[in-house]
Amino acid sequence: MSLDQHSETTELDNARTRIVGARDGRLADSIVATVRGWRAFADGCSRIWLAVRRVVTVAGVCVAVVTIAAFVVGYVAGWSEALVFAWVGAALFVVAVLYQLGFVAYRAVLHLPNPRVMVGVSAPVDVVVSNPTKRGLLSARIEVPVGDGVAEFAMPGLRPGAEFRDVFLVPTTRRGVVTIGPVRSVRADPVGLLRRETDWQETAELFVHPATVAIPGMSSGLVRDLEGSSTKDLTTSDISFHALREYAMGDERRHIHWRSTAKTGAFMVRQYEQTRRSNLMVALSLAEADFASEDEFELAVSAAASIGVRAVRDGRSVAFIVSERTPDFARKPVFDVRELDTVTPTRLLDALCRVDLVSAALRIPDVARVAADKALDVSVAYLVCGSTVTSAHLRHAATMFHAGVEVVAVRCVPGDLPGLRRVGDVSILTIGYLDDLRSSLAKASAA
């Protein structure tokens, strides 16, 4: 083969390679474009399907299925009645689509004039919907979720810059924290085939405080009797003088009694009897086993709240203790308690709005044991429980506290007659109504 023939063959091979490469490149580009197109189509279909799911209601899905089936039966089987039904369904969907047209550019504001109310008192909620745009907006229905329910009202069309205000009342039949909102506007057809919602993320919490009864000046008298009385504990600084003793390493020099030191020739230190101060503790059981019904528990919460609020308002040192919940994964009960905020009466009542019965929680004797270990300086302890707690349980709970601590148990039995009896070291008060708490504490102070 000559040199010219060899170069010509090489050029033909190179040209054939370029052609095959170009064909492979176009094929690869076609595959890539097909995959990208399919992905875009799938993403578009997914977005359309999600949008349809957000708008079409359950009734709309049922009517759509029946309408499609009626079209198929009507045209295939020649059933004219089915066609009439199918066209009526199609017309309903057209009307429903027309109801969805228009902009949804409202601005909604949720306001609670009084975010804290006592159970049984209705709470007003103020809703203001405005049109911040430069075009008019069509009418809509406004819905405001209130706990497990929904408050709804019709809103007329709004001109540019106009606003619509509505006030509704939230009934408070049970203690707790009610979440109100977010406000949402609803555009729906009369039949309910399509429904478009627009939510505003603003929510508000309504604290429904437990009912309380006024206890004037901690009328139990137990606190006043204990306040200022001397104990057997000795200290180097107080008001009740006990005796003199010799100076020991660690004593402060300002406690040295110099006249006695001059007489005896040795350093003498004054010694006092420690004065009792009224440190209160209110222990509330959250265990389901300590209560026979929800009404008992609500009465117990109200009784404990009344005692705690009165103590806080009197400026006394008070610890409010509730049972700690045992996690579901725990194999053994968690022997711990939780202390509620008692800085102000409002904070205490807010915290009590969130307590509830728990199946896996410490019962009142165990609560007393853990609380006694944590609050060593307590002078009066109130144990609040239900009717299922026996006198033996309460007597056992009283033994958990140190000597000198006055223990008062409040058993809540709705509808029962008030009573007072002394069992060992504990005074057991039985109340059937919240108003009985005042008179029962007065009897306990006189006993």
Protein backbone atom coordinates (compact mmCIF):
# COMPACT_ATOMS: atom_id res chain seq x y z
CA MET A 1 0.00 0.00 0.00
CA SER A 2 1.39 3.37 -0.98
CA LEU A 3 1.67 6.32 1.33
CA ASP A 4 -1.21 8.13 -0.38
CA GLN A 5 -3.50 5.13 -0.02
CA HIS A 6 -2.58 4.76 3.67
CA SER A 7 -3.34 8.42 4.46
CA GLU A 8 -6.65 8.17 2.61
CA THR A 9 -7.62 5.10 4.65
CA THR A 10 -6.67 6.89 7.86
CA GLU A 11 -8.81 9.88 6.96
CA LEU A 12 -11.77 7.57 6.19
CA ASP A 13 -11.37 5.87 9.57
CA ASN A 14 -11.22 9.21 11.37
CA ALA A 15 -14.30 10.44 9.55
CA ARG A 16 -16.16 7.23 10.40
CA THR A 17 -15.14 7.66 14.07
CA ARG A 18 -16.39 11.27 14.13
CA ILE A 19 -19.71 10.22 12.61
CA VAL A 20 -20.18 7.40 15.14
CA GLY A 21 -19.18 9.77 18.00
CA ALA A 22 -21.62 12.40 16.80
CA ARG A 23 -24.39 9.81 16.63
CA ASP A 24 -23.55 8.58 20.14
CA GLY A 25 -23.46 12.16 21.45
CA ARG A 26 -26.85 12.97 19.93
CA LEU A 27 -28.25 9.77 21.41
CA ALA A 28 -26.85 10.62 24.82
CA ASP A 29 -28.22 14.15 24.57
CA SER A 30 -31.59 12.74 23.60
CA ILE A 31 -31.60 10.39 26.58
CA VAL A 32 -30.61 13.18 28.97
CA ALA A 33 -33.27 15.49 27.54
CA THR A 34 -35.88 12.74 27.81
CA VAL A 35 -34.98 12.03 31.44
CA ARG A 36 -35.03 15.72 32.32
CA GLY A 37 -38.33 16.20 30.56
CA TRP A 38 -39.84 13.22 32.34
CA ARG A 39 -38.64 14.52 35.70
CA ALA A 40 -40.06 17.96 35.00
CA PHE A 41 -43.34 16.38 33.91
CA ALA A 42 -43.44 14.21 37.04
CA ASP A 43 -42.64 17.21 39.30
CA GLY A 44 -45.35 19.25 37.58
CA CYS A 45 -47.87 16.44 37.97
CA SER A 46 -46.88 16.06 41.63
CA ARG A 47 -47.36 19.78 42.28
CA ILE A 48 -50.70 19.74 40.48
CA TRP A 49 -51.80 16.69 42.45
CA LEU A 50 -50.81 18.31 45.75
CA ALA A 51 -52.65 21.48 44.77
CA VAL A 52 -55.72 19.44 43.84
CA ARG A 53 -55.56 17.54 47.12
CA ARG A 54 -55.41 20.80 49.05
CA VAL A 55 -58.46 22.19 47.23
CA VAL A 56 -60.71 19.21 46.50
CA THR A 57 -62.74 18.01 49.47
CA VAL A 58 -63.92 14.48 50.19
CA ALA A 59 -67.31 15.37 48.76
CA GLY A 60 -65.59 16.72 45.66
CA VAL A 61 -63.69 13.48 45.14
CA CYS A 62 -66.89 11.44 45.45
CA VAL A 63 -68.78 13.67 43.02
CA ALA A 64 -65.85 13.58 40.56
CA VAL A 65 -65.71 9.77 40.62
CA VAL A 66 -69.47 9.48 40.15
CA THR A 67 -69.42 12.08 37.35
CA ILE A 68 -66.67 10.27 35.43
CA ALA A 69 -68.44 6.95 35.86
CA ALA A 70 -71.69 8.51 34.66
CA PHE A 71 -69.97 9.83 31.52
CA VAL A 72 -68.51 6.41 30.76
CA VAL A 73 -71.79 4.58 31.31
CA GLY A 74 -73.81 7.20 29.46
CA TYR A 75 -71.70 7.20 26.30
CA VAL A 76 -70.83 3.50 26.25
CA ALA A 77 -74.24 2.10 27.18
CA GLY A 78 -76.23 4.95 25.65
CA TRP A 79 -77.94 5.69 28.97
CA SER A 80 -79.26 9.24 28.66
CA GLU A 81 -80.12 9.58 32.36
CA ALA A 82 -76.49 8.91 33.25
CA LEU A 83 -75.37 11.61 30.83
CA VAL A 84 -77.73 14.11 32.44
CA PHE A 85 -76.32 13.25 35.84
CA ALA A 86 -72.77 13.53 34.49
CA TRP A 87 -73.32 16.99 32.97
CA VAL A 88 -74.93 18.21 36.17
CA GLY A 89 -71.84 17.08 38.09
CA ALA A 90 -69.59 18.82 35.56
CA ALA A 91 -71.63 22.02 35.92
CA LEU A 92 -71.25 21.87 39.69
CA PHE A 93 -67.49 21.65 39.31
CA VAL A 94 -67.48 24.65 36.96
CA VAL A 95 -69.41 26.68 39.49
CA ALA A 96 -67.05 25.50 42.25
CA VAL A 97 -64.03 26.64 40.22
CA LEU A 98 -65.60 30.08 39.75
CA TYR A 99 -65.91 30.41 43.52
CA GLN A 100 -62.17 29.82 43.84
CA LEU A 101 -61.19 32.67 41.54
CA GLY A 102 -59.83 35.85 43.03
CA PHE A 103 -56.91 36.96 45.16
CA VAL A 104 -56.49 36.00 48.82
CA ALA A 105 -54.35 38.78 50.23
CA TYR A 106 -56.04 39.43 53.54
CA ARG A 107 -54.18 40.40 56.69
CA ALA A 108 -55.55 38.92 59.91
CA VAL A 109 -54.74 39.93 63.50
CA LEU A 110 -55.81 37.90 66.54
CA HIS A 111 -56.11 39.67 69.90
CA LEU A 112 -57.11 38.48 73.38
CA PRO A 113 -58.17 41.42 75.59
CA ASN A 114 -57.87 39.17 78.64
CA PRO A 115 -55.59 36.16 78.11
CA ARG A 116 -56.30 34.83 81.62
CA VAL A 117 -59.77 34.03 82.93
CA MET A 118 -61.20 31.86 85.67
CA VAL A 119 -62.96 28.67 84.66
CA GLY A 120 -66.61 29.36 83.89
CA VAL A 121 -65.98 32.92 82.64
CA SER A 122 -66.25 33.47 78.89
CA ALA A 123 -63.21 35.04 77.22
CA PRO A 124 -63.65 37.53 74.35
CA VAL A 125 -61.53 37.11 71.23
CA ASP A 126 -61.06 40.00 68.80
CA VAL A 127 -60.34 39.18 65.13
CA VAL A 128 -59.46 41.94 62.66
CA VAL A 129 -59.17 41.15 58.93
CA SER A 130 -57.99 43.94 56.64
CA ASN A 131 -57.30 44.44 52.94
CA PRO A 132 -53.79 45.94 52.51
CA THR A 133 -53.90 45.77 48.69
CA LYS A 134 -55.05 48.38 46.16
CA ARG A 135 -57.78 46.15 44.77
CA GLY A 136 -61.01 44.91 46.22
CA LEU A 137 -61.20 41.42 47.69
CA LEU A 138 -64.15 39.08 47.49
CA SER A 139 -66.11 37.82 50.46
CA ALA A 140 -64.90 34.76 52.35
CA ARG A 141 -65.57 32.73 55.44
CA ILE A 142 -63.22 33.21 58.38
CA GLU A 143 -62.44 30.28 60.67
CA VAL A 144 -60.61 30.46 63.99
CA PRO A 145 -59.64 27.15 65.63
CA VAL A 146 -60.39 27.25 69.37
CA GLY A 147 -58.98 24.18 71.06
CA ASP A 148 -60.74 21.21 69.48
CA GLY A 149 -63.52 23.38 68.04
CA VAL A 150 -63.75 26.03 65.33
CA ALA A 151 -65.37 29.47 65.44
CA GLU A 152 -66.50 30.70 62.03
CA PHE A 153 -68.18 33.78 60.63
CA ALA A 154 -68.87 35.30 57.22
CA MET A 155 -66.77 38.21 56.05
CA PRO A 156 -68.07 40.54 53.31
CA GLY A 157 -65.98 41.81 50.44
CA LEU A 158 -63.40 44.42 51.43
CA ARG A 159 -62.52 47.61 49.56
CA PRO A 160 -58.85 48.64 49.39
CA GLY A 161 -57.68 49.62 52.87
CA ALA A 162 -60.91 48.48 54.56
CA GLU A 163 -61.06 46.13 57.54
CA PHE A 164 -63.56 43.77 59.11
CA ARG A 165 -63.75 43.20 62.88
CA ASP A 166 -65.55 40.47 64.75
CA VAL A 167 -65.63 39.58 68.45
CA PHE A 168 -66.71 36.18 69.71
CA LEU A 169 -66.76 34.59 73.15
CA VAL A 170 -64.90 31.43 74.11
CA PRO A 171 -66.73 29.42 76.78
CA THR A 172 -64.41 28.08 79.47
CA THR A 173 -65.95 25.00 81.01
CA ARG A 174 -62.70 23.35 82.03
CA ARG A 175 -59.35 24.44 83.42
CA GLY A 176 -56.43 24.34 81.00
CA VAL A 177 -54.60 26.18 78.23
CA VAL A 178 -56.66 26.78 75.09
CA THR A 179 -54.78 27.43 71.86
CA ILE A 180 -56.62 29.93 69.65
CA GLY A 181 -55.71 30.26 65.98
CA PRO A 182 -54.24 30.46 63.50
CA VAL A 183 -56.90 32.47 61.68
CA ARG A 184 -57.71 31.10 58.25
CA SER A 185 -59.84 32.37 55.38
CA VAL A 186 -61.91 29.81 53.50
CA ARG A 187 -63.20 30.09 49.92
CA ALA A 188 -65.68 27.31 49.18
CA ASP A 189 -68.65 26.71 46.93
CA PRO A 190 -72.13 26.15 48.38
CA VAL A 191 -72.02 22.40 47.66
CA GLY A 192 -68.59 21.99 49.28
CA LEU A 193 -66.74 20.40 46.34
CA LEU A 194 -63.73 22.71 46.44
CA ARG A 195 -62.22 24.50 49.45
CA ARG A 196 -59.23 26.85 49.47
CA GLU A 197 -57.72 27.81 52.81
CA THR A 198 -55.17 30.49 53.68
CA ASP A 199 -53.65 30.33 57.14
CA TRP A 200 -51.95 33.03 59.20
CA GLN A 201 -49.41 31.59 61.59
CA GLU A 202 -50.27 33.80 64.56
CA THR A 203 -51.72 31.93 67.54
CA ALA A 204 -52.62 32.90 71.09
CA GLU A 205 -52.92 30.99 74.34
CA LEU A 206 -55.85 31.43 76.69
CA PHE A 207 -55.10 30.43 80.29
CA VAL A 208 -58.20 29.12 82.02
CA HIS A 209 -57.32 29.33 85.71
CA PRO A 210 -58.82 26.97 88.28
CA ALA A 211 -61.56 28.30 90.50
CA THR A 212 -60.26 29.60 93.83
CA VAL A 213 -61.84 30.70 97.09
CA ALA A 214 -60.61 33.58 99.22
CA ILE A 215 -58.92 32.50 102.44
CA PRO A 216 -58.50 35.68 104.48
CA GLY A 217 -55.00 35.86 105.92
CA MET A 218 -54.40 32.10 105.84
CA SER A 219 -57.35 31.55 108.16
CA SER A 220 -56.08 28.15 109.22
CA GLY A 221 -54.34 29.79 112.19
CA LEU A 222 -51.71 27.09 112.01
CA VAL A 223 -49.34 29.45 110.29
CA ARG A 224 -49.94 32.24 112.78
CA ASP A 225 -49.54 29.90 115.76
CA LEU A 226 -46.24 28.59 114.44
CA GLU A 227 -44.91 31.95 113.31
CA GLY A 228 -42.39 33.25 115.85
CA SER A 229 -42.49 30.30 118.25
CA SER A 230 -39.22 28.91 119.52
CA THR A 231 -37.89 25.49 118.63
CA LYS A 232 -35.38 23.18 120.29
CA ASP A 233 -32.81 23.95 117.60
CA LEU A 234 -29.99 26.20 118.82
CA THR A 235 -28.30 28.96 116.87
CA THR A 236 -25.88 31.83 117.49
CA SER A 237 -28.14 34.51 115.99
CA ASP A 238 -31.84 34.93 116.81
CA ILE A 239 -34.11 36.69 119.35
CA SER A 240 -34.89 33.98 121.95
CA PHE A 241 -31.88 33.77 124.32
CA HIS A 242 -31.02 30.28 125.58
CA ALA A 243 -27.65 30.19 127.37
CA LEU A 244 -23.94 30.96 127.23
CA ARG A 245 -21.27 28.54 126.14
CA GLU A 246 -17.53 28.61 125.67
CA TYR A 247 -16.07 29.90 122.45
CA ALA A 248 -15.29 27.22 119.83
CA MET A 249 -13.24 27.34 116.67
CA GLY A 250 -15.36 28.74 113.85
CA ASP A 251 -17.59 30.98 115.97
CA GLU A 252 -17.84 34.59 114.84
CA ARG A 253 -16.19 37.07 117.20
CA ARG A 254 -19.19 39.40 117.07
CA HIS A 255 -21.21 36.81 119.06
CA ILE A 256 -18.80 36.88 122.04
CA HIS A 257 -20.39 38.13 125.28
CA TRP A 258 -17.61 40.32 126.70
CA ARG A 259 -19.03 40.80 130.20
CA SER A 260 -19.26 37.06 130.81
CA THR A 261 -15.84 36.65 129.28
CA ALA A 262 -14.41 39.16 131.80
CA LYS A 263 -16.03 37.33 134.71
CA THR A 264 -15.04 33.80 133.73
CA GLY A 265 -11.72 34.52 132.11
CA ALA A 266 -12.69 32.48 129.02
CA PHE A 267 -14.37 33.56 125.84
CA MET A 268 -18.16 33.04 126.15
CA VAL A 269 -20.61 33.03 123.22
CA ARG A 270 -24.34 33.75 123.33
CA GLN A 271 -26.64 30.92 122.24
CA TYR A 272 -30.27 31.32 121.09
CA GLU A 273 -33.26 29.11 120.40
CA GLN A 274 -34.05 29.18 116.73
CA THR A 275 -37.35 30.90 115.96
CA ARG A 276 -39.78 29.02 113.76
CA ARG A 277 -40.69 30.67 110.48
CA SER A 278 -43.78 29.74 108.50
CA ASN A 279 -42.42 27.98 105.43
CA LEU A 280 -45.38 26.38 103.72
CA MET A 281 -45.53 23.50 101.31
CA VAL A 282 -48.52 22.49 99.21
CA ALA A 283 -48.25 19.01 97.69
CA LEU A 284 -50.76 18.03 95.01
CA SER A 285 -50.99 14.46 93.75
CA LEU A 286 -51.35 13.95 89.99
CA ALA A 287 -51.71 10.16 90.18
CA GLU A 288 -54.93 8.75 88.72
CA ALA A 289 -55.01 6.20 91.53
CA ASP A 290 -55.52 9.00 94.10
CA PHE A 291 -58.75 10.23 92.51
CA ALA A 292 -62.05 8.55 91.72
CA SER A 293 -63.08 10.97 88.96
CA GLU A 294 -62.08 14.07 87.02
CA ASP A 295 -64.35 16.18 89.23
CA GLU A 296 -62.38 15.13 92.31
CA PHE A 297 -59.14 16.14 90.66
CA GLU A 298 -60.50 19.53 89.58
CA LEU A 299 -61.73 20.17 93.13
CA ALA A 300 -58.28 19.22 94.45
CA VAL A 301 -56.55 21.60 92.01
CA SER A 302 -58.86 24.43 93.07
CA ALA A 303 -58.28 23.74 96.78
CA ALA A 304 -54.50 23.59 96.36
CA ALA A 305 -54.56 26.74 94.23
CA SER A 306 -56.57 28.60 96.88
CA ILE A 307 -54.04 27.75 99.59
CA GLY A 308 -51.04 28.53 97.41
CA VAL A 309 -52.38 31.84 96.10
CA ARG A 310 -53.25 33.02 99.62
CA ALA A 311 -49.77 32.17 100.88
CA VAL A 312 -48.08 33.97 97.97
CA ARG A 313 -50.24 37.07 98.46
CA ASP A 314 -49.38 37.08 102.17
CA GLY A 315 -45.70 37.17 101.22
CA ARG A 316 -44.92 33.84 102.86
CA SER A 317 -42.36 31.34 101.68
CA VAL A 318 -44.27 28.61 99.88
CA ALA A 319 -43.23 25.59 97.82
CA PHE A 320 -45.87 24.13 95.50
CA ILE A 321 -45.08 20.50 94.70
CA VAL A 322 -46.76 18.17 92.19
CA SER A 323 -46.04 14.61 91.15
CA GLU A 324 -43.53 14.03 88.40
CA ARG A 325 -44.58 11.88 85.47
CA THR A 326 -42.77 8.61 84.89
CA PRO A 327 -41.75 8.21 81.21
CA ASP A 328 -43.36 5.37 79.29
CA PHE A 329 -40.02 3.70 78.60
CA ALA A 330 -39.03 3.61 82.29
CA ARG A 331 -39.23 0.23 83.96
CA LYS A 332 -39.47 1.65 87.49
CA PRO A 333 -41.34 4.68 88.83
CA VAL A 334 -39.43 7.94 88.86
CA PHE A 335 -39.25 9.08 92.48
CA ASP A 336 -39.19 12.77 91.82
CA VAL A 337 -41.45 15.78 92.14
CA ARG A 338 -41.81 19.03 90.26
CA GLU A 339 -41.99 22.46 91.88
CA LEU A 340 -44.26 25.04 90.29
CA ASP A 341 -43.45 28.72 89.97
CA THR A 342 -44.73 30.67 92.99
CA VAL A 343 -43.14 34.06 92.34
CA THR A 344 -46.58 35.60 91.80
CA PRO A 345 -50.13 34.25 92.09
CA THR A 346 -50.56 34.61 88.33
CA ARG A 347 -47.53 32.44 87.59
CA LEU A 348 -48.76 29.79 89.98
CA LEU A 349 -52.22 29.73 88.39
CA ASP A 350 -50.66 29.63 84.91
CA ALA A 351 -48.60 26.61 85.92
CA LEU A 352 -51.68 24.89 87.37
CA CYS A 353 -53.42 25.29 84.01
CA ARG A 354 -50.97 22.75 82.57
CA VAL A 355 -51.20 20.02 85.22
CA ASP A 356 -53.32 16.96 84.55
CA LEU A 357 -53.91 13.46 85.82
CA VAL A 358 -51.17 10.98 84.96
CA SER A 359 -51.44 7.22 85.20
CA ALA A 360 -47.72 6.76 85.89
CA ALA A 361 -47.10 9.28 88.68
CA LEU A 362 -46.16 9.10 92.35
CA ARG A 363 -49.02 8.77 94.80
CA ILE A 364 -49.36 11.17 97.73
CA PRO A 365 -47.26 9.16 100.28
CA ASP A 366 -44.34 9.02 97.85
CA VAL A 367 -44.80 12.68 96.94
CA ALA A 368 -44.62 13.54 100.65
CA ARG A 369 -41.45 11.47 101.08
CA VAL A 370 -39.61 13.10 98.17
CA ALA A 371 -40.87 16.59 99.04
CA ALA A 372 -39.84 16.23 102.69
CA ASP A 373 -36.29 15.39 101.62
CA LYS A 374 -36.11 18.46 99.39
CA ALA A 375 -37.85 21.01 101.67
CA LEU A 376 -36.08 20.55 105.00
CA ASP A 377 -37.20 23.89 106.48
CA VAL A 378 -40.94 23.42 105.95
CA SER A 379 -43.17 24.15 108.95
CA VAL A 380 -46.66 23.50 107.55
CA ALA A 381 -47.39 20.94 104.82
CA TYR A 382 -50.70 20.66 102.99
CA LEU A 383 -51.29 17.34 101.21
CA VAL A 384 -54.12 17.56 98.67
CA CYS A 385 -55.61 14.33 97.28
CA GLY A 386 -58.85 12.56 96.37
CA SER A 387 -61.23 10.12 98.01
CA THR A 388 -59.29 6.95 97.13
CA VAL A 389 -56.50 7.90 99.53
CA THR A 390 -57.18 6.26 102.88
CA SER A 391 -56.47 7.62 106.35
CA ALA A 392 -53.68 5.06 106.72
CA HIS A 393 -52.02 6.43 103.57
CA LEU A 394 -52.24 9.98 104.88
CA ARG A 395 -50.91 8.98 108.28
CA HIS A 396 -48.00 7.24 106.58
CA ALA A 397 -47.39 10.33 104.44
CA ALA A 398 -47.26 12.53 107.57
CA THR A 399 -44.49 10.39 109.05
CA MET A 400 -42.26 11.35 106.12
CA PHE A 401 -41.81 14.87 107.49
CA HIS A 402 -39.48 15.89 110.27
CA ALA A 403 -40.67 16.31 113.82
CA GLY A 404 -42.44 19.60 114.45
CA VAL A 405 -43.93 19.90 110.96
CA GLU A 406 -47.69 20.43 111.04
CA VAL A 407 -49.29 18.23 108.35
CA VAL A 408 -52.78 18.98 107.05
CA ALA A 409 -54.37 16.64 104.52
CA VAL A 410 -57.19 17.91 102.30
CA ARG A 411 -59.35 15.10 100.90
CA CYS A 412 -61.60 16.24 98.07
CA VAL A 413 -64.86 14.31 97.75
CA PRO A 414 -67.38 16.22 95.57
CA GLY A 415 -70.79 16.45 97.21
CA ASP A 416 -69.64 15.08 100.58
CA LEU A 417 -70.17 16.86 103.90
CA PRO A 418 -67.18 18.79 105.26
CA GLY A 419 -65.37 17.18 108.16
CA LEU A 420 -62.26 17.33 110.33
CA ARG A 421 -60.57 14.56 112.28
CA ARG A 422 -57.17 13.97 113.73
CA VAL A 423 -55.38 10.75 112.82
CA GLY A 424 -51.98 10.45 114.45
CA ASP A 425 -49.89 13.45 113.48
CA VAL A 426 -52.07 14.58 110.59
CA SER A 427 -55.26 16.66 110.49
CA ILE A 428 -57.56 15.34 107.75
CA LEU A 429 -59.97 17.84 106.22
CA THR A 430 -62.75 16.55 103.98
CA ILE A 431 -64.40 19.02 101.62
CA GLY A 432 -67.28 18.42 99.23
CA TYR A 433 -67.32 21.90 97.71
CA LEU A 434 -64.65 24.53 97.28
CA ASP A 435 -66.41 26.90 99.69
CA ASP A 436 -65.99 24.28 102.42
CA LEU A 437 -62.24 24.90 102.41
CA ARG A 438 -62.55 28.20 104.27
CA SER A 439 -64.66 26.83 107.11
CA SER A 440 -62.66 23.60 107.35
CA LEU A 441 -59.38 25.46 107.73
CA ALA A 442 -60.95 27.65 110.39
CA LYS A 443 -61.99 24.55 112.34
CA ALA A 444 -58.50 23.11 112.01
CA SER A 445 -57.01 26.27 113.51
CA ALA A 446 -59.40 26.15 116.48
CA ALA A 447 -58.85 22.44 117.13
